[in-house]
Each structure stands twice: as structure tokens, then as C-alpha cells.
Amino acid sequence: MRARLDATDWRIIKHLQANARMTNVELARRVGVSPPPCLRRVRALEEAGILQGYFALLDEKAAGFELAAFAMIGLHAQAETDLRNFENLVLSWPIVRECYMLSGETDFLLKCIASDLTVFQDFVIQDLTTAPNVASVKTHLTIRRTKFEGGVPVLDEGAR
């Protein structure tokens, strides 16, 4: 069931997506409400599962991870148990930072972050290509990231 969010909820979401470390007092000031109702709204957004967590956004290269790559995976079989088994395997691979099941000829798209090309190649050869039910692996190394915005697009006054 989809939550009904008003303009204030959307302003809260917009500001928290930009900086989740701000205090409730600062968030309330920016949103235009007093701190107690702001905190109640944030807690309600958390309880509804809309705000699912908070994390630190790292600069991969500054942290020593020079390589970002995408791997497109095709499976031999796509029965629900086959898909779940692959997803469970992906959960065990720290190098995979995001995983999406796709429609079309590619079954899964994996975003991988590695310290260097050798580490990524080892992962592809030792883990991906040898994984049960994997029929094909196509990889693409990134040249640069042009845009990154987490969360969802929030326009003025919560219009979507």
C-alpha cells in the first residue's frame, strides 16, 4: 500500500536525501515546522518504510577503490527458485554493491566496486563465471560517473 505524503513530508524527504546528518531542529527550520511535529513525521516515514536507513556516502577513489564496473548476467534457467538462488549468492559477494533483476535478455545487472582491475577480474573468473546456473557474463568498466543522486526525485512542493 502506497503512503500518502503531503508537501511537508516531501520537503523532509528532500532535505534528508541531501543531508541526513542535520539535526531535527535544523530540519524543522528548513521544512517550516516546529521540531516536535518534524520528529513525529520523520519517525512516521521510518515506520512506514519510506525512510529505510541512513549511511555514509564514500568517495570510492579516495577510499582506495579505483574501479567501478557493471556486469550483465544471463542465467540458464529463470524459474523463481533459480532467480532466488542467484540473488542469495549475490548477497554473499561484497564486491557487488547493487543488484537488479531485469526484463529482457539480461537477467541481472550488478554494480561492482573493486580496488583495481585485477581484483575485479579475479571476481569475474572465480565467482561470477563459475556460479551455478550462470550462462553468460558481460562486463563494462566505467570511465567516469557523470551523475549520482541517491533516493528519489523530489520537485517543488512534493510534486513528482
C-alpha atoms as a PDB file:
ATOM      1  CA  MET A   1       0.000   0.000   0.000  1.00  0.00           C
ATOM      2  CA  ARG A   2       1.367   3.358  -1.007  1.00  0.00           C
ATOM      3  CA  ALA A   3       1.710   6.010   1.693  1.00  0.00           C
ATOM      4  CA  ARG A   4       0.005   9.346   1.319  1.00  0.00           C
ATOM      5  CA  LEU A   5       2.601  12.032   1.661  1.00  0.00           C
ATOM      6  CA  ASP A   6       1.880  15.729   1.853  1.00  0.00           C
ATOM      7  CA  ALA A   7       4.116  18.621   0.824  1.00  0.00           C
ATOM      8  CA  THR A   8       5.763  18.753   4.264  1.00  0.00           C
ATOM      9  CA  ASP A   9       6.649  15.060   4.114  1.00  0.00           C
ATOM     10  CA  TRP A  10       8.197  15.589   0.691  1.00  0.00           C
ATOM     11  CA  ARG A  11      10.219  18.569   1.943  1.00  0.00           C
ATOM     12  CA  ILE A  12      11.501  16.420   4.812  1.00  0.00           C
ATOM     13  CA  ILE A  13      12.480  13.674   2.365  1.00  0.00           C
ATOM     14  CA  LYS A  14      14.185  16.157   0.043  1.00  0.00           C
ATOM     15  CA  HIS A  15      16.296  17.634   2.858  1.00  0.00           C
ATOM     16  CA  LEU A  16      17.188  14.273   4.405  1.00  0.00           C
ATOM     17  CA  GLN A  17      18.259  12.928   0.995  1.00  0.00           C
ATOM     18  CA  ALA A  18      20.621  15.890   0.695  1.00  0.00           C
ATOM     19  CA  ASN A  19      21.950  15.687   4.273  1.00  0.00           C
ATOM     20  CA  ALA A  20      20.678  13.069   6.706  1.00  0.00           C
ATOM     21  CA  ARG A  21      23.089  14.264   9.397  1.00  0.00           C
ATOM     22  CA  MET A  22      21.354  17.553  10.095  1.00  0.00           C
ATOM     23  CA  THR A  23      19.699  17.895  13.472  1.00  0.00           C
ATOM     24  CA  ASN A  24      15.951  17.685  13.840  1.00  0.00           C
ATOM     25  CA  VAL A  25      15.949  21.374  14.825  1.00  0.00           C
ATOM     26  CA  GLU A  26      17.715  22.320  11.567  1.00  0.00           C
ATOM     27  CA  LEU A  27      15.466  20.032   9.514  1.00  0.00           C
ATOM     28  CA  ALA A  28      12.361  21.559  11.120  1.00  0.00           C
ATOM     29  CA  ARG A  29      13.653  25.070  10.376  1.00  0.00           C
ATOM     30  CA  ARG A  30      14.288  24.232   6.710  1.00  0.00           C
ATOM     31  CA  VAL A  31      10.938  22.488   6.312  1.00  0.00           C
ATOM     32  CA  GLY A  32       8.998  25.250   8.075  1.00  0.00           C
ATOM     33  CA  VAL A  33       7.546  23.356  11.049  1.00  0.00           C
ATOM     34  CA  SER A  34       8.445  23.157  14.724  1.00  0.00           C
ATOM     35  CA  PRO A  35      10.812  20.394  15.902  1.00  0.00           C
ATOM     36  CA  PRO A  36       8.303  18.095  17.687  1.00  0.00           C
ATOM     37  CA  PRO A  37       5.980  17.572  14.694  1.00  0.00           C
ATOM     38  CA  CYS A  38       9.006  17.310  12.402  1.00  0.00           C
ATOM     39  CA  LEU A  39      10.410  14.486  14.508  1.00  0.00           C
ATOM     40  CA  ARG A  40       6.997  12.757  14.566  1.00  0.00           C
ATOM     41  CA  ARG A  41       6.848  12.944  10.768  1.00  0.00           C
ATOM     42  CA  VAL A  42      10.386  11.565  10.371  1.00  0.00           C
ATOM     43  CA  ARG A  43       9.538   8.673  12.698  1.00  0.00           C
ATOM     44  CA  ALA A  44       6.304   8.031  10.780  1.00  0.00           C
ATOM     45  CA  LEU A  45       8.274   7.969   7.494  1.00  0.00           C
ATOM     46  CA  GLU A  46      10.693   5.476   9.076  1.00  0.00           C
ATOM     47  CA  GLU A  47       7.883   3.289  10.438  1.00  0.00           C
ATOM     48  CA  ALA A  48       6.162   3.302   7.035  1.00  0.00           C
ATOM     49  CA  GLY A  49       9.403   2.036   5.475  1.00  0.00           C
ATOM     50  CA  ILE A  50       9.835   5.103   3.289  1.00  0.00           C
ATOM     51  CA  LEU A  51      12.984   6.157   5.151  1.00  0.00           C
ATOM     52  CA  GLN A  52      14.797   2.843   5.353  1.00  0.00           C
ATOM     53  CA  GLY A  53      18.109   3.900   6.805  1.00  0.00           C
ATOM     54  CA  TYR A  54      20.979   6.335   6.847  1.00  0.00           C
ATOM     55  CA  PHE A  55      24.503   5.746   5.595  1.00  0.00           C
ATOM     56  CA  ALA A  56      27.759   7.492   4.801  1.00  0.00           C
ATOM     57  CA  LEU A  57      28.372   8.191   1.120  1.00  0.00           C
ATOM     58  CA  LEU A  58      32.018   7.465   0.355  1.00  0.00           C
ATOM     59  CA  ASP A  59      34.244   8.711  -2.410  1.00  0.00           C
ATOM     60  CA  GLU A  60      35.314   5.330  -3.777  1.00  0.00           C
ATOM     61  CA  LYS A  61      38.587   6.516  -5.277  1.00  0.00           C
ATOM     62  CA  ALA A  62      39.610   8.404  -2.130  1.00  0.00           C
ATOM     63  CA  ALA A  63      38.899   5.215  -0.145  1.00  0.00           C
ATOM     64  CA  GLY A  64      41.163   3.199  -2.464  1.00  0.00           C
ATOM     65  CA  PHE A  65      38.576   1.681  -4.799  1.00  0.00           C
ATOM     66  CA  GLU A  66      39.686   2.695  -8.282  1.00  0.00           C
ATOM     67  CA  LEU A  67      37.339   0.556 -10.342  1.00  0.00           C
ATOM     68  CA  ALA A  68      33.583   0.657 -10.867  1.00  0.00           C
ATOM     69  CA  ALA A  69      32.104  -1.839 -13.285  1.00  0.00           C
ATOM     70  CA  PHE A  70      28.788  -3.314 -14.330  1.00  0.00           C
ATOM     71  CA  ALA A  71      28.219  -6.980 -15.021  1.00  0.00           C
ATOM     72  CA  MET A  72      25.256  -8.213 -17.031  1.00  0.00           C
ATOM     73  CA  ILE A  73      24.337 -11.768 -16.107  1.00  0.00           C
ATOM     74  CA  GLY A  74      22.285 -14.230 -18.111  1.00  0.00           C
ATOM     75  CA  LEU A  75      21.052 -17.406 -16.432  1.00  0.00           C
ATOM     76  CA  HIS A  76      20.386 -20.800 -17.993  1.00  0.00           C
ATOM     77  CA  ALA A  77      17.022 -21.056 -16.194  1.00  0.00           C
ATOM     78  CA  GLN A  78      14.748 -18.379 -14.775  1.00  0.00           C
ATOM     79  CA  ALA A  79      12.381 -20.316 -12.522  1.00  0.00           C
ATOM     80  CA  GLU A  80      11.705 -18.461  -9.281  1.00  0.00           C
ATOM     81  CA  THR A  81      13.966 -20.800  -7.303  1.00  0.00           C
ATOM     82  CA  ASP A  82      16.798 -20.225  -9.816  1.00  0.00           C
ATOM     83  CA  LEU A  83      16.396 -16.457  -9.523  1.00  0.00           C
ATOM     84  CA  ARG A  84      16.304 -16.596  -5.711  1.00  0.00           C
ATOM     85  CA  ASN A  85      19.353 -18.857  -5.579  1.00  0.00           C
ATOM     86  CA  PHE A  86      21.337 -16.388  -7.682  1.00  0.00           C
ATOM     87  CA  GLU A  87      20.131 -13.443  -5.584  1.00  0.00           C
ATOM     88  CA  ASN A  88      21.190 -15.249  -2.401  1.00  0.00           C
ATOM     89  CA  LEU A  89      24.622 -15.865  -3.892  1.00  0.00           C
ATOM     90  CA  VAL A  90      24.947 -12.190  -4.841  1.00  0.00           C
ATOM     91  CA  LEU A  91      24.257 -11.242  -1.215  1.00  0.00           C
ATOM     92  CA  SER A  92      27.473 -13.048  -0.229  1.00  0.00           C
ATOM     93  CA  TRP A  93      29.706 -11.062  -2.620  1.00  0.00           C
ATOM     94  CA  PRO A  94      30.968  -7.814  -1.010  1.00  0.00           C
ATOM     95  CA  ILE A  95      32.304  -6.534  -4.350  1.00  0.00           C
ATOM     96  CA  VAL A  96      28.706  -6.340  -5.638  1.00  0.00           C
ATOM     97  CA  ARG A  97      27.221  -3.125  -4.290  1.00  0.00           C
ATOM     98  CA  GLU A  98      23.917  -3.159  -6.178  1.00  0.00           C
ATOM     99  CA  CYS A  99      21.961  -5.878  -7.945  1.00  0.00           C
ATOM    100  CA  TYR A 100      18.910  -5.511 -10.157  1.00  0.00           C
ATOM    101  CA  MET A 101      16.789  -8.192 -11.792  1.00  0.00           C
ATOM    102  CA  LEU A 102      15.947  -7.052 -15.311  1.00  0.00           C
ATOM    103  CA  SER A 103      13.476  -7.866 -18.028  1.00  0.00           C
ATOM    104  CA  GLY A 104      14.798  -8.715 -21.479  1.00  0.00           C
ATOM    105  CA  GLU A 105      17.803 -10.784 -22.471  1.00  0.00           C
ATOM    106  CA  THR A 106      19.871  -9.886 -19.385  1.00  0.00           C
ATOM    107  CA  ASP A 107      18.601 -11.375 -16.146  1.00  0.00           C
ATOM    108  CA  PHE A 108      20.647  -9.363 -13.643  1.00  0.00           C
ATOM    109  CA  LEU A 109      22.706  -6.171 -13.619  1.00  0.00           C
ATOM    110  CA  LEU A 110      25.402  -5.964 -10.945  1.00  0.00           C
ATOM    111  CA  LYS A 111      27.240  -2.820  -9.932  1.00  0.00           C
ATOM    112  CA  CYS A 112      30.673  -3.783  -8.686  1.00  0.00           C
ATOM    113  CA  ILE A 113      33.289  -1.713  -6.867  1.00  0.00           C
ATOM    114  CA  ALA A 114      36.861  -3.036  -6.662  1.00  0.00           C
ATOM    115  CA  SER A 115      40.233  -1.723  -5.614  1.00  0.00           C
ATOM    116  CA  ASP A 116      41.678  -2.429  -9.062  1.00  0.00           C
ATOM    117  CA  LEU A 117      41.203  -4.316 -12.318  1.00  0.00           C
ATOM    118  CA  THR A 118      42.926  -7.459 -11.072  1.00  0.00           C
ATOM    119  CA  VAL A 119      40.543  -7.792  -8.124  1.00  0.00           C
ATOM    120  CA  PHE A 120      37.550  -7.349 -10.424  1.00  0.00           C
ATOM    121  CA  GLN A 121      38.908  -9.844 -12.972  1.00  0.00           C
ATOM    122  CA  ASP A 122      39.508 -12.402 -10.223  1.00  0.00           C
ATOM    123  CA  PHE A 123      35.919 -11.948  -9.049  1.00  0.00           C
ATOM    124  CA  VAL A 124      34.558 -12.414 -12.573  1.00  0.00           C
ATOM    125  CA  ILE A 125      36.665 -15.510 -13.250  1.00  0.00           C
ATOM    126  CA  GLN A 126      36.467 -17.195  -9.861  1.00  0.00           C
ATOM    127  CA  ASP A 127      32.957 -16.267  -8.715  1.00  0.00           C
ATOM    128  CA  LEU A 128      30.697 -14.997 -11.469  1.00  0.00           C
ATOM    129  CA  THR A 129      31.501 -17.323 -14.341  1.00  0.00           C
ATOM    130  CA  THR A 130      31.608 -20.380 -12.082  1.00  0.00           C
ATOM    131  CA  ALA A 131      28.367 -19.623 -10.236  1.00  0.00           C
ATOM    132  CA  PRO A 132      25.606 -22.216 -10.637  1.00  0.00           C
ATOM    133  CA  ASN A 133      23.115 -21.523 -13.447  1.00  0.00           C
ATOM    134  CA  VAL A 134      25.152 -18.626 -14.935  1.00  0.00           C
ATOM    135  CA  ALA A 135      25.043 -18.839 -18.736  1.00  0.00           C
ATOM    136  CA  SER A 136      26.703 -15.543 -19.672  1.00  0.00           C
ATOM    137  CA  VAL A 137      28.624 -12.672 -18.130  1.00  0.00           C
ATOM    138  CA  LYS A 138      29.258  -9.389 -19.929  1.00  0.00           C
ATOM    139  CA  THR A 139      31.225  -6.713 -18.124  1.00  0.00           C
ATOM    140  CA  HIS A 140      31.587  -2.993 -18.689  1.00  0.00           C
ATOM    141  CA  LEU A 141      34.198  -0.853 -16.950  1.00  0.00           C
ATOM    142  CA  THR A 142      33.176   2.701 -16.161  1.00  0.00           C
ATOM    143  CA  ILE A 143      35.202   5.621 -17.474  1.00  0.00           C
ATOM    144  CA  ARG A 144      33.679   8.239 -15.173  1.00  0.00           C
ATOM    145  CA  ARG A 145      30.474   8.943 -13.305  1.00  0.00           C
ATOM    146  CA  THR A 146      28.630  11.942 -14.655  1.00  0.00           C
ATOM    147  CA  LYS A 147      25.780  11.996 -12.168  1.00  0.00           C
ATOM    148  CA  PHE A 148      24.876  10.378  -8.881  1.00  0.00           C
ATOM    149  CA  GLU A 149      21.812  11.228  -6.881  1.00  0.00           C
ATOM    150  CA  GLY A 150      20.527   8.845  -4.283  1.00  0.00           C
ATOM    151  CA  GLY A 151      16.903   8.499  -3.344  1.00  0.00           C
ATOM    152  CA  VAL A 152      14.003   9.659  -5.470  1.00  0.00           C
ATOM    153  CA  PRO A 153      13.398  12.837  -7.498  1.00  0.00           C
ATOM    154  CA  VAL A 154      11.594  15.394  -5.338  1.00  0.00           C
ATOM    155  CA  LEU A 155      10.385  18.501  -7.088  1.00  0.00           C
ATOM    156  CA  ASP A 156       8.969  21.670  -5.530  1.00  0.00           C
ATOM    157  CA  GLU A 157       6.192  21.111  -3.009  1.00  0.00           C
ATOM    158  CA  GLY A 158       6.364  17.351  -3.379  1.00  0.00           C
ATOM    159  CA  ALA A 159       5.228  17.203  -6.997  1.00  0.00           C
ATOM    160  CA  ARG A 160       6.510  14.064  -8.684  1.00  0.00           C
END
